[in-house]
Amino acid sequence: MSRTKSSAGDGLVVARGAWQFDDAVPGVFDTHISKSIPGYREGHDLVVKLVRSRMQNSGRCYELGCSTGTLTAKMAACSDPDRMAIVGIDQVAGMIARARIRCNAFANVSFELADIVSHDFLPSSVIVSYYTLHFTPVSTRADIVRRIFRALQPDGLFLLFEKIRFADPRLDREMTEKYHRFKKSRGFSDEEIRCKEQALEGVLAPRTESENLAMLGEAGFDHVSIVFSELCWQGYLASSQPVSG
């Protein structure tokens, strides 16, 4: 398996073949991902804005695929530590280790090394999946979202951010080309972009906007809004009740 080292300043080595979140990834994850996804850090701020009022209430907040705990820490900073428990879940031990260090000052934050495909969620008021679900097998996603819906309290919120594909092949190619130009503007070479695309084939499987909305609706979410959209990346706010505050 040949490998190519990123020249975008993040030190990430991308293997040609199946992408894996192995031991090399956690140390460079934050730098790499913020350069790779449009509005990645701004999306964190948007999530915090959308959940801030809930974080002062009693309950539980899950972050699915918490990686190094960057978003976890931002949500913890606006939470009531005596009322809201925040649980980060990731299946990579190195990510959990870094997340625990980052969130060490927050007594109401804990982490679980687990796979969300089979995890049993406890009753919750907020669940966030920030560019995580699209790494799970497509055949498991509807069940994951149904379990999320069942775990949420009646006024709970589900924040789902995903890479999407477009049903129209020509539009999909056009948006992919625009996304590649974005990555080149952030310092990635053509070779790095091509190798990353090959590495993610069969690992990251985006669905269309319509498919994501249908999946959320079929799980029981009656109120879904698109709160972020940039190129082939979208964020959805889902609830079983109208969202206020």
Foldseek 3Di string as FASTA:
>chain_A
DDWDFWPLPQRDIFDQAADDCAPRQLVRPVVVVPLQDPCQVVVLVVVLVQCLVVQAAAWEEEEEQCFLQPSVQVNLVSHDLVGYAYEYEEQYPNRQVNNCVVNVVRPRYDYDNDDLLPDQAAAGQEYEYAANLLQDPPVSNLVSLLSVQVNYDQFHKYKYKHFAAAPPVVLRVVLVVVSVVSSVVSPGDPVRVVSNVSNCVVRRHHYHPVVVVVSNVVSQFPDKDWPDDDRRMTMIMTHNDDDDD
